[in-house]
Amino acid sequence: MEIPGDKQLICLTGSVWSGSRSAPRKLFVRDGFVRPNWFTTERPIQDAAYELISESEFHLANAEHRVLAHIEYGGSFVGIFKESLLTAIGQAKRGALVVCPPEIAAQIAAQVKRVYVFSLKEKAMTLSPHLQSVDAEGKLHRVDIDVLQPGAWSDAYRRMAETVGIPVLPMLY
């Protein structure tokens, strides 16, 4: 799958999250990234927008290679359609942002040449084994975060923005 040359694809995964306004997922959206809609056959797993589909619709879409990435979670299928990602990229100023589990990030990285996968972790935490192939391809960027440090999220976002090559806008609170 190709991403247009003027757009970028970022996947955020990891074990540390924040609902803060300075959380990287919120700052990337503020700075011109659009999050694609997900599908689910039963229940959502995070704060993205979801389309509820039947299991039959999922299996048909998967057989037709329209599913970009998916996981089975709690007895349901959850994931992203290729068309949903392309729609998000088309609507975005800078590109698409996928906030996802490591399994989804690895599936996306396997299909998309130009992707940045950021794993947000406390220093002592190990990376998910699902990300080994992403790391071997040079697409993985680990971002160690001490969530108790003031400004930790802003610092993490600044490091990610520099890696991707986008200007860091001032924090507005």
N, C-alpha and C. Protein backbone atom coordinates (compact mmCIF):
# COMPACT_ATOMS: atom_id res chain seq x y z
N MET A 1 0.85 -1.17 0.00
CA MET A 1 0.00 0.00 0.00
C MET A 1 0.89 1.24 0.00
N GLU A 2 0.60 2.17 -0.87
CA GLU A 2 1.40 3.38 -0.99
C GLU A 2 0.72 4.57 -0.32
N ILE A 3 1.53 5.37 0.35
CA ILE A 3 1.07 6.62 0.96
C ILE A 3 1.54 7.74 0.03
N PRO A 4 0.66 8.69 -0.31
CA PRO A 4 1.09 9.80 -1.18
C PRO A 4 2.33 10.49 -0.61
N GLY A 5 3.23 10.93 -1.49
CA GLY A 5 4.51 11.49 -1.09
C GLY A 5 4.46 12.68 -0.15
N ASP A 6 3.38 13.45 -0.18
CA ASP A 6 3.30 14.62 0.68
C ASP A 6 2.61 14.32 2.01
N LYS A 7 2.24 13.06 2.25
CA LYS A 7 1.55 12.67 3.49
C LYS A 7 2.38 11.65 4.25
N GLN A 8 2.07 11.50 5.53
CA GLN A 8 2.79 10.55 6.38
C GLN A 8 1.81 9.66 7.11
N LEU A 9 2.29 8.51 7.53
CA LEU A 9 1.50 7.59 8.33
C LEU A 9 2.26 7.32 9.62
N ILE A 10 1.58 7.52 10.74
CA ILE A 10 2.16 7.30 12.06
C ILE A 10 1.29 6.31 12.81
N CYS A 11 1.93 5.32 13.44
CA CYS A 11 1.24 4.41 14.35
C CYS A 11 1.78 4.65 15.75
N LEU A 12 0.89 4.84 16.71
CA LEU A 12 1.27 4.97 18.11
C LEU A 12 0.81 3.73 18.84
N THR A 13 1.72 3.10 19.55
CA THR A 13 1.39 1.93 20.34
C THR A 13 2.18 2.01 21.64
N GLY A 14 1.91 1.15 22.57
CA GLY A 14 2.69 1.15 23.79
C GLY A 14 1.85 0.88 25.02
N SER A 15 2.51 0.99 26.16
CA SER A 15 1.88 0.64 27.43
C SER A 15 1.51 1.83 28.28
N VAL A 16 1.92 3.01 27.89
CA VAL A 16 1.59 4.19 28.70
C VAL A 16 0.73 5.13 27.88
N TRP A 17 -0.39 5.56 28.45
CA TRP A 17 -1.34 6.41 27.76
C TRP A 17 -1.79 7.53 28.68
N SER A 18 -2.34 8.53 28.08
CA SER A 18 -2.83 9.67 28.85
C SER A 18 -4.03 10.27 28.16
N GLY A 19 -4.97 10.73 28.96
CA GLY A 19 -6.11 11.47 28.44
C GLY A 19 -5.81 12.96 28.40
N SER A 20 -4.61 13.33 28.77
CA SER A 20 -4.21 14.74 28.83
C SER A 20 -4.29 15.41 27.47
N ARG A 21 -4.53 16.71 27.49
CA ARG A 21 -4.54 17.48 26.24
C ARG A 21 -3.16 17.50 25.59
N SER A 22 -2.11 17.20 26.36
CA SER A 22 -0.76 17.17 25.79
C SER A 22 -0.34 15.76 25.37
N ALA A 23 -1.27 14.81 25.40
CA ALA A 23 -0.94 13.45 24.94
C ALA A 23 -0.59 13.50 23.45
N PRO A 24 0.45 12.77 23.04
CA PRO A 24 0.87 12.81 21.64
C PRO A 24 -0.25 12.56 20.64
N ARG A 25 -1.17 11.65 20.94
CA ARG A 25 -2.24 11.36 19.97
C ARG A 25 -3.11 12.58 19.74
N LYS A 26 -3.30 13.39 20.76
CA LYS A 26 -4.11 14.61 20.60
C LYS A 26 -3.32 15.71 19.89
N LEU A 27 -2.03 15.79 20.15
CA LEU A 27 -1.20 16.82 19.51
C LEU A 27 -0.99 16.54 18.03
N PHE A 28 -0.84 15.27 17.65
CA PHE A 28 -0.71 14.96 16.22
C PHE A 28 -1.99 15.35 15.47
N VAL A 29 -3.14 15.10 16.07
CA VAL A 29 -4.41 15.49 15.44
C VAL A 29 -4.49 17.01 15.34
N ARG A 30 -4.11 17.71 16.39
CA ARG A 30 -4.11 19.17 16.37
C ARG A 30 -3.22 19.70 15.24
N ASP A 31 -2.13 18.99 14.98
CA ASP A 31 -1.15 19.45 14.00
C ASP A 31 -1.36 18.90 12.59
N GLY A 32 -2.56 18.40 12.29
CA GLY A 32 -2.89 18.07 10.91
C GLY A 32 -3.00 16.61 10.55
N PHE A 33 -2.99 15.71 11.52
CA PHE A 33 -3.17 14.29 11.25
C PHE A 33 -4.62 13.90 11.52
N VAL A 34 -5.14 12.96 10.75
CA VAL A 34 -6.51 12.47 10.91
C VAL A 34 -6.46 11.00 11.28
N ARG A 35 -7.27 10.63 12.27
CA ARG A 35 -7.35 9.23 12.68
C ARG A 35 -8.41 8.52 11.85
N PRO A 36 -8.07 7.37 11.27
CA PRO A 36 -9.07 6.64 10.47
C PRO A 36 -10.14 6.01 11.35
N ASN A 37 -11.30 5.78 10.76
CA ASN A 37 -12.35 5.04 11.46
C ASN A 37 -11.96 3.57 11.51
N TRP A 38 -12.35 2.92 12.57
CA TRP A 38 -12.12 1.50 12.75
C TRP A 38 -13.42 0.75 12.51
N PHE A 39 -13.32 -0.57 12.40
CA PHE A 39 -14.52 -1.41 12.40
C PHE A 39 -14.46 -2.33 13.61
N THR A 40 -15.61 -2.80 14.05
CA THR A 40 -15.69 -3.79 15.10
C THR A 40 -16.91 -4.66 14.85
N THR A 41 -16.81 -5.93 15.21
CA THR A 41 -17.96 -6.80 15.09
C THR A 41 -18.75 -6.85 16.39
N GLU A 42 -18.23 -6.19 17.43
CA GLU A 42 -18.95 -6.21 18.70
C GLU A 42 -18.69 -4.97 19.54
N ARG A 43 -17.43 -4.75 19.97
CA ARG A 43 -17.16 -3.63 20.88
C ARG A 43 -15.84 -2.96 20.54
N PRO A 44 -15.75 -1.65 20.79
CA PRO A 44 -14.50 -0.92 20.54
C PRO A 44 -13.44 -1.24 21.60
N ILE A 45 -12.18 -0.97 21.26
CA ILE A 45 -11.09 -1.20 22.22
C ILE A 45 -10.38 0.09 22.61
N GLN A 46 -10.65 1.21 21.95
CA GLN A 46 -10.01 2.48 22.30
C GLN A 46 -10.90 3.63 21.85
N ASP A 47 -10.38 4.84 21.84
CA ASP A 47 -11.22 6.03 21.66
C ASP A 47 -11.41 6.48 20.21
N ALA A 48 -11.16 5.63 19.24
CA ALA A 48 -11.37 5.99 17.83
C ALA A 48 -12.86 5.92 17.48
N ALA A 49 -13.21 6.44 16.31
CA ALA A 49 -14.57 6.29 15.79
C ALA A 49 -14.68 4.87 15.21
N TYR A 50 -15.82 4.24 15.40
CA TYR A 50 -16.02 2.86 14.98
C TYR A 50 -17.24 2.70 14.10
N GLU A 51 -17.15 1.73 13.18
CA GLU A 51 -18.28 1.27 12.38
C GLU A 51 -18.57 -0.16 12.84
N LEU A 52 -19.80 -0.42 13.22
CA LEU A 52 -20.20 -1.76 13.64
C LEU A 52 -20.56 -2.58 12.41
N ILE A 53 -19.88 -3.73 12.24
CA ILE A 53 -20.17 -4.62 11.11
C ILE A 53 -20.42 -6.02 11.65
N SER A 54 -21.02 -6.86 10.83
CA SER A 54 -21.26 -8.25 11.24
C SER A 54 -19.98 -9.07 11.01
N GLU A 55 -19.94 -10.23 11.65
CA GLU A 55 -18.78 -11.11 11.43
C GLU A 55 -18.72 -11.56 9.97
N SER A 56 -19.87 -11.76 9.36
CA SER A 56 -19.90 -12.14 7.93
C SER A 56 -19.29 -11.04 7.07
N GLU A 57 -19.64 -9.78 7.38
CA GLU A 57 -19.06 -8.65 6.63
C GLU A 57 -17.55 -8.61 6.81
N PHE A 58 -17.08 -8.87 8.05
CA PHE A 58 -15.64 -8.89 8.29
C PHE A 58 -14.96 -9.96 7.44
N HIS A 59 -15.49 -11.19 7.50
CA HIS A 59 -14.85 -12.29 6.78
C HIS A 59 -14.86 -12.05 5.27
N LEU A 60 -15.94 -11.49 4.75
CA LEU A 60 -16.00 -11.18 3.33
C LEU A 60 -14.97 -10.11 2.96
N ALA A 61 -14.91 -9.04 3.75
CA ALA A 61 -13.93 -7.96 3.50
C ALA A 61 -12.50 -8.49 3.60
N ASN A 62 -12.25 -9.35 4.56
CA ASN A 62 -10.91 -9.92 4.72
C ASN A 62 -10.55 -10.81 3.53
N ALA A 63 -11.51 -11.60 3.06
CA ALA A 63 -11.27 -12.46 1.90
C ALA A 63 -11.03 -11.64 0.64
N GLU A 64 -11.64 -10.46 0.58
CA GLU A 64 -11.46 -9.56 -0.58
C GLU A 64 -10.25 -8.63 -0.42
N HIS A 65 -9.46 -8.84 0.64
CA HIS A 65 -8.24 -8.06 0.91
C HIS A 65 -8.53 -6.57 1.12
N ARG A 66 -9.68 -6.26 1.71
CA ARG A 66 -10.02 -4.86 2.01
C ARG A 66 -9.65 -4.48 3.44
N VAL A 67 -9.25 -5.47 4.24
CA VAL A 67 -8.87 -5.22 5.63
C VAL A 67 -7.37 -4.91 5.67
N LEU A 68 -7.02 -3.76 6.22
CA LEU A 68 -5.61 -3.39 6.36
C LEU A 68 -4.98 -4.15 7.52
N ALA A 69 -5.65 -4.14 8.66
CA ALA A 69 -5.12 -4.80 9.86
C ALA A 69 -6.28 -5.11 10.79
N HIS A 70 -6.14 -6.18 11.56
CA HIS A 70 -7.20 -6.53 12.52
C HIS A 70 -6.64 -7.43 13.62
N ILE A 71 -7.39 -7.51 14.71
CA ILE A 71 -7.11 -8.46 15.77
C ILE A 71 -8.45 -9.04 16.23
N GLU A 72 -8.36 -10.19 16.87
CA GLU A 72 -9.53 -10.74 17.54
C GLU A 72 -9.38 -10.35 19.00
N TYR A 73 -10.39 -9.70 19.53
CA TYR A 73 -10.31 -9.17 20.89
C TYR A 73 -11.63 -9.45 21.61
N GLY A 74 -11.56 -10.21 22.67
CA GLY A 74 -12.76 -10.49 23.46
C GLY A 74 -13.88 -11.11 22.66
N GLY A 75 -13.54 -11.95 21.69
CA GLY A 75 -14.56 -12.62 20.89
C GLY A 75 -15.06 -11.82 19.70
N SER A 76 -14.51 -10.63 19.48
CA SER A 76 -14.93 -9.84 18.32
C SER A 76 -13.71 -9.49 17.47
N PHE A 77 -13.97 -9.07 16.25
CA PHE A 77 -12.90 -8.62 15.36
C PHE A 77 -12.90 -7.09 15.35
N VAL A 78 -11.70 -6.53 15.46
CA VAL A 78 -11.53 -5.08 15.50
C VAL A 78 -10.38 -4.74 14.56
N GLY A 79 -10.54 -3.68 13.76
CA GLY A 79 -9.46 -3.32 12.86
C GLY A 79 -9.77 -2.12 12.00
N ILE A 80 -9.00 -2.00 10.92
CA ILE A 80 -9.10 -0.85 10.02
C ILE A 80 -9.17 -1.36 8.59
N PHE A 81 -10.11 -0.81 7.83
CA PHE A 81 -10.18 -1.10 6.40
C PHE A 81 -9.16 -0.23 5.67
N LYS A 82 -8.63 -0.74 4.57
CA LYS A 82 -7.70 0.04 3.74
C LYS A 82 -8.35 1.34 3.29
N GLU A 83 -9.60 1.26 2.88
CA GLU A 83 -10.32 2.44 2.40
C GLU A 83 -10.44 3.51 3.49
N SER A 84 -10.62 3.09 4.73
CA SER A 84 -10.71 4.03 5.84
C SER A 84 -9.40 4.79 6.04
N LEU A 85 -8.28 4.08 5.92
CA LEU A 85 -6.98 4.73 6.04
C LEU A 85 -6.76 5.71 4.90
N LEU A 86 -7.08 5.30 3.68
CA LEU A 86 -6.91 6.19 2.53
C LEU A 86 -7.81 7.42 2.63
N THR A 87 -9.01 7.26 3.16
CA THR A 87 -9.91 8.40 3.36
C THR A 87 -9.31 9.37 4.36
N ALA A 88 -8.79 8.85 5.48
CA ALA A 88 -8.17 9.71 6.50
C ALA A 88 -6.99 10.47 5.91
N ILE A 89 -6.16 9.79 5.15
CA ILE A 89 -5.00 10.44 4.54
C ILE A 89 -5.44 11.53 3.57
N GLY A 90 -6.47 11.24 2.80
CA GLY A 90 -6.97 12.22 1.84
C GLY A 90 -7.55 13.46 2.49
N GLN A 91 -8.13 13.31 3.67
CA GLN A 91 -8.74 14.43 4.39
C GLN A 91 -7.72 15.23 5.20
N ALA A 92 -6.55 14.68 5.42
CA ALA A 92 -5.58 15.26 6.35
C ALA A 92 -4.64 16.25 5.68
N LYS A 93 -4.19 17.19 6.48
CA LYS A 93 -3.16 18.12 6.02
C LYS A 93 -1.80 17.42 5.96
N ARG A 94 -1.49 16.61 6.98
CA ARG A 94 -0.17 15.97 7.08
C ARG A 94 -0.19 14.46 6.86
N GLY A 95 -1.26 13.78 7.25
CA GLY A 95 -1.30 12.34 7.10
C GLY A 95 -2.26 11.70 8.08
N ALA A 96 -2.07 10.39 8.29
CA ALA A 96 -2.96 9.63 9.17
C ALA A 96 -2.23 9.20 10.43
N LEU A 97 -2.98 9.13 11.51
CA LEU A 97 -2.48 8.68 12.80
C LEU A 97 -3.32 7.49 13.24
N VAL A 98 -2.66 6.36 13.47
CA VAL A 98 -3.35 5.16 13.95
C VAL A 98 -2.86 4.88 15.37
N VAL A 99 -3.76 4.96 16.34
CA VAL A 99 -3.45 4.64 17.73
C VAL A 99 -3.94 3.21 17.93
N CYS A 100 -3.01 2.30 18.23
CA CYS A 100 -3.39 0.89 18.12
C CYS A 100 -2.52 -0.03 18.98
N PRO A 101 -2.98 -1.28 19.17
CA PRO A 101 -2.14 -2.29 19.81
C PRO A 101 -0.97 -2.66 18.90
N PRO A 102 0.09 -3.26 19.46
CA PRO A 102 1.27 -3.61 18.67
C PRO A 102 0.96 -4.54 17.49
N GLU A 103 -0.01 -5.44 17.66
CA GLU A 103 -0.35 -6.37 16.58
C GLU A 103 -0.84 -5.61 15.34
N ILE A 104 -1.63 -4.58 15.56
CA ILE A 104 -2.15 -3.77 14.45
C ILE A 104 -1.00 -2.98 13.81
N ALA A 105 -0.15 -2.37 14.64
CA ALA A 105 0.99 -1.60 14.12
C ALA A 105 1.89 -2.48 13.26
N ALA A 106 2.14 -3.71 13.70
CA ALA A 106 3.00 -4.62 12.94
C ALA A 106 2.37 -5.00 11.60
N GLN A 107 1.06 -5.23 11.59
CA GLN A 107 0.39 -5.57 10.33
C GLN A 107 0.43 -4.40 9.36
N ILE A 108 0.24 -3.19 9.87
CA ILE A 108 0.29 -2.01 9.01
C ILE A 108 1.70 -1.82 8.46
N ALA A 109 2.71 -1.93 9.33
CA ALA A 109 4.10 -1.74 8.90
C ALA A 109 4.51 -2.78 7.85
N ALA A 110 3.92 -3.96 7.91
CA ALA A 110 4.25 -5.00 6.93
C ALA A 110 3.69 -4.66 5.54
N GLN A 111 2.66 -3.81 5.48
CA GLN A 111 2.01 -3.49 4.21
C GLN A 111 2.35 -2.11 3.66
N VAL A 112 2.87 -1.24 4.52
CA VAL A 112 3.12 0.15 4.12
C VAL A 112 4.61 0.43 4.24
N LYS A 113 5.23 0.85 3.15
CA LYS A 113 6.68 1.11 3.16
C LYS A 113 7.04 2.30 4.03
N ARG A 114 6.31 3.40 3.89
CA ARG A 114 6.64 4.62 4.62
C ARG A 114 5.71 4.78 5.81
N VAL A 115 6.15 4.27 6.96
CA VAL A 115 5.36 4.38 8.18
C VAL A 115 6.32 4.57 9.36
N TYR A 116 5.91 5.39 10.29
CA TYR A 116 6.64 5.57 11.55
C TYR A 116 5.82 4.87 12.63
N VAL A 117 6.44 3.93 13.34
CA VAL A 117 5.77 3.26 14.45
C VAL A 117 6.48 3.70 15.72
N PHE A 118 5.73 4.36 16.60
CA PHE A 118 6.27 4.82 17.88
C PHE A 118 5.70 3.95 18.99
N SER A 119 6.58 3.39 19.81
CA SER A 119 6.16 2.61 20.96
C SER A 119 6.43 3.43 22.21
N LEU A 120 5.38 3.78 22.92
CA LEU A 120 5.49 4.60 24.13
C LEU A 120 5.59 3.67 25.33
N LYS A 121 6.70 3.75 26.04
CA LYS A 121 6.97 2.81 27.13
C LYS A 121 7.64 3.52 28.31
N GLU A 122 7.44 2.96 29.50
CA GLU A 122 8.29 3.30 30.64
C GLU A 122 9.64 2.65 30.35
N LYS A 123 10.73 3.23 30.88
CA LYS A 123 12.08 2.74 30.56
C LYS A 123 12.27 1.25 30.81
N ALA A 124 11.73 0.73 31.90
CA ALA A 124 11.97 -0.66 32.27
C ALA A 124 11.11 -1.65 31.48
N MET A 125 10.16 -1.17 30.72
CA MET A 125 9.26 -2.06 29.98
C MET A 125 9.92 -2.60 28.72
N THR A 126 9.60 -3.84 28.40
CA THR A 126 10.12 -4.45 27.18
C THR A 126 9.14 -4.22 26.03
N LEU A 127 9.66 -4.28 24.82
CA LEU A 127 8.82 -4.13 23.64
C LEU A 127 8.02 -5.40 23.39
N SER A 128 6.89 -5.24 22.79
CA SER A 128 6.06 -6.37 22.40
C SER A 128 6.80 -7.20 21.34
N PRO A 129 6.74 -8.52 21.44
CA PRO A 129 7.35 -9.36 20.41
C PRO A 129 6.75 -9.11 19.02
N HIS A 130 5.52 -8.59 18.97
CA HIS A 130 4.89 -8.28 17.68
C HIS A 130 5.66 -7.20 16.91
N LEU A 131 6.45 -6.41 17.63
CA LEU A 131 7.15 -5.30 16.99
C LEU A 131 8.56 -5.65 16.53
N GLN A 132 9.00 -6.89 16.71
CA GLN A 132 10.35 -7.28 16.31
C GLN A 132 10.60 -7.08 14.82
N SER A 133 9.65 -7.47 13.99
CA SER A 133 9.84 -7.31 12.54
C SER A 133 9.83 -5.83 12.16
N VAL A 134 9.03 -5.03 12.85
CA VAL A 134 8.98 -3.59 12.59
C VAL A 134 10.33 -2.96 12.94
N ASP A 135 10.90 -3.39 14.06
CA ASP A 135 12.21 -2.90 14.48
C ASP A 135 13.28 -3.31 13.48
N ALA A 136 13.23 -4.55 13.02
CA ALA A 136 14.23 -5.05 12.06
C ALA A 136 14.20 -4.27 10.75
N GLU A 137 13.03 -3.74 10.38
CA GLU A 137 12.89 -2.95 9.15
C GLU A 137 13.26 -1.48 9.36
N GLY A 138 13.59 -1.10 10.59
CA GLY A 138 13.96 0.29 10.87
C GLY A 138 12.79 1.25 10.96
N LYS A 139 11.58 0.72 11.13
CA LYS A 139 10.39 1.57 11.20
C LYS A 139 9.96 1.87 12.63
N LEU A 140 10.57 1.21 13.61
CA LEU A 140 10.16 1.35 15.01
C LEU A 140 11.01 2.39 15.72
N HIS A 141 10.35 3.24 16.48
CA HIS A 141 11.01 4.26 17.29
C HIS A 141 10.45 4.16 18.70
N ARG A 142 11.29 3.71 19.62
CA ARG A 142 10.87 3.60 21.01
C ARG A 142 10.97 4.97 21.67
N VAL A 143 9.94 5.34 22.42
CA VAL A 143 9.93 6.61 23.15
C VAL A 143 9.71 6.27 24.61
N ASP A 144 10.79 6.40 25.41
CA ASP A 144 10.68 6.14 26.84
C ASP A 144 10.05 7.34 27.52
N ILE A 145 9.06 7.07 28.37
CA ILE A 145 8.32 8.14 29.03
C ILE A 145 8.21 7.83 30.52
N ASP A 146 8.55 8.82 31.33
CA ASP A 146 8.29 8.75 32.76
C ASP A 146 7.05 9.60 32.99
N VAL A 147 5.91 8.95 33.08
CA VAL A 147 4.64 9.68 33.13
C VAL A 147 4.49 10.57 34.36
N LEU A 148 5.34 10.36 35.36
CA LEU A 148 5.26 11.18 36.56
C LEU A 148 6.05 12.48 36.44
N GLN A 149 6.89 12.59 35.42
CA GLN A 149 7.68 13.81 35.21
C GLN A 149 6.80 14.89 34.59
N PRO A 150 6.86 16.12 35.12
CA PRO A 150 6.13 17.21 34.48
C PRO A 150 6.64 17.43 33.05
N GLY A 151 5.72 17.60 32.13
CA GLY A 151 6.09 17.84 30.74
C GLY A 151 6.50 16.61 29.96
N ALA A 152 6.30 15.42 30.54
CA ALA A 152 6.73 14.18 29.88
C ALA A 152 6.05 13.99 28.53
N TRP A 153 4.76 14.28 28.45
CA TRP A 153 4.04 14.09 27.19
C TRP A 153 4.48 15.10 26.14
N SER A 154 4.70 16.33 26.55
CA SER A 154 5.18 17.35 25.60
C SER A 154 6.55 16.98 25.06
N ASP A 155 7.43 16.49 25.94
CA ASP A 155 8.76 16.07 25.50
C ASP A 155 8.68 14.88 24.53
N ALA A 156 7.80 13.93 24.84
CA ALA A 156 7.64 12.77 23.96
C ALA A 156 7.13 13.21 22.60
N TYR A 157 6.16 14.11 22.59
CA TYR A 157 5.62 14.59 21.31
C TYR A 157 6.70 15.32 20.52
N ARG A 158 7.48 16.14 21.18
CA ARG A 158 8.54 16.89 20.50
C ARG A 158 9.53 15.92 19.84
N ARG A 159 9.91 14.85 20.55
CA ARG A 159 10.84 13.86 19.98
C ARG A 159 10.23 13.16 18.76
N MET A 160 8.95 12.82 18.86
CA MET A 160 8.30 12.15 17.73
C MET A 160 8.16 13.09 16.54
N ALA A 161 7.77 14.33 16.79
CA ALA A 161 7.61 15.31 15.70
C ALA A 161 8.94 15.54 14.99
N GLU A 162 10.02 15.62 15.75
CA GLU A 162 11.34 15.79 15.15
C GLU A 162 11.72 14.58 14.30
N THR A 163 11.40 13.38 14.77
CA THR A 163 11.69 12.16 14.01
C THR A 163 10.94 12.16 12.68
N VAL A 164 9.69 12.58 12.72
CA VAL A 164 8.85 12.60 11.52
C VAL A 164 9.19 13.78 10.62
N GLY A 165 9.77 14.83 11.21
CA GLY A 165 10.15 16.00 10.42
C GLY A 165 9.06 17.04 10.28
N ILE A 166 8.21 17.16 11.31
CA ILE A 166 7.19 18.20 11.27
C ILE A 166 7.52 19.26 12.31
N PRO A 167 7.15 20.51 12.05
CA PRO A 167 7.43 21.55 13.03
C PRO A 167 6.61 21.33 14.30
N VAL A 168 7.22 21.63 15.42
CA VAL A 168 6.53 21.49 16.70
C VAL A 168 5.86 22.81 17.02
N LEU A 169 4.54 22.77 17.06
CA LEU A 169 3.78 23.97 17.40
C LEU A 169 3.80 24.18 18.90
N PRO A 170 3.66 25.43 19.36
CA PRO A 170 3.65 25.68 20.80
C PRO A 170 2.46 25.00 21.46
N MET A 171 2.66 24.62 22.70
CA MET A 171 1.58 24.01 23.47
C MET A 171 0.61 25.10 23.90
N LEU A 172 -0.65 24.93 23.60
CA LEU A 172 -1.68 25.90 23.97
C LEU A 172 -2.58 25.27 25.01
N TYR A 173 -2.61 25.85 26.18
CA TYR A 173 -3.44 25.27 27.24
C TYR A 173 -4.47 26.27 27.68
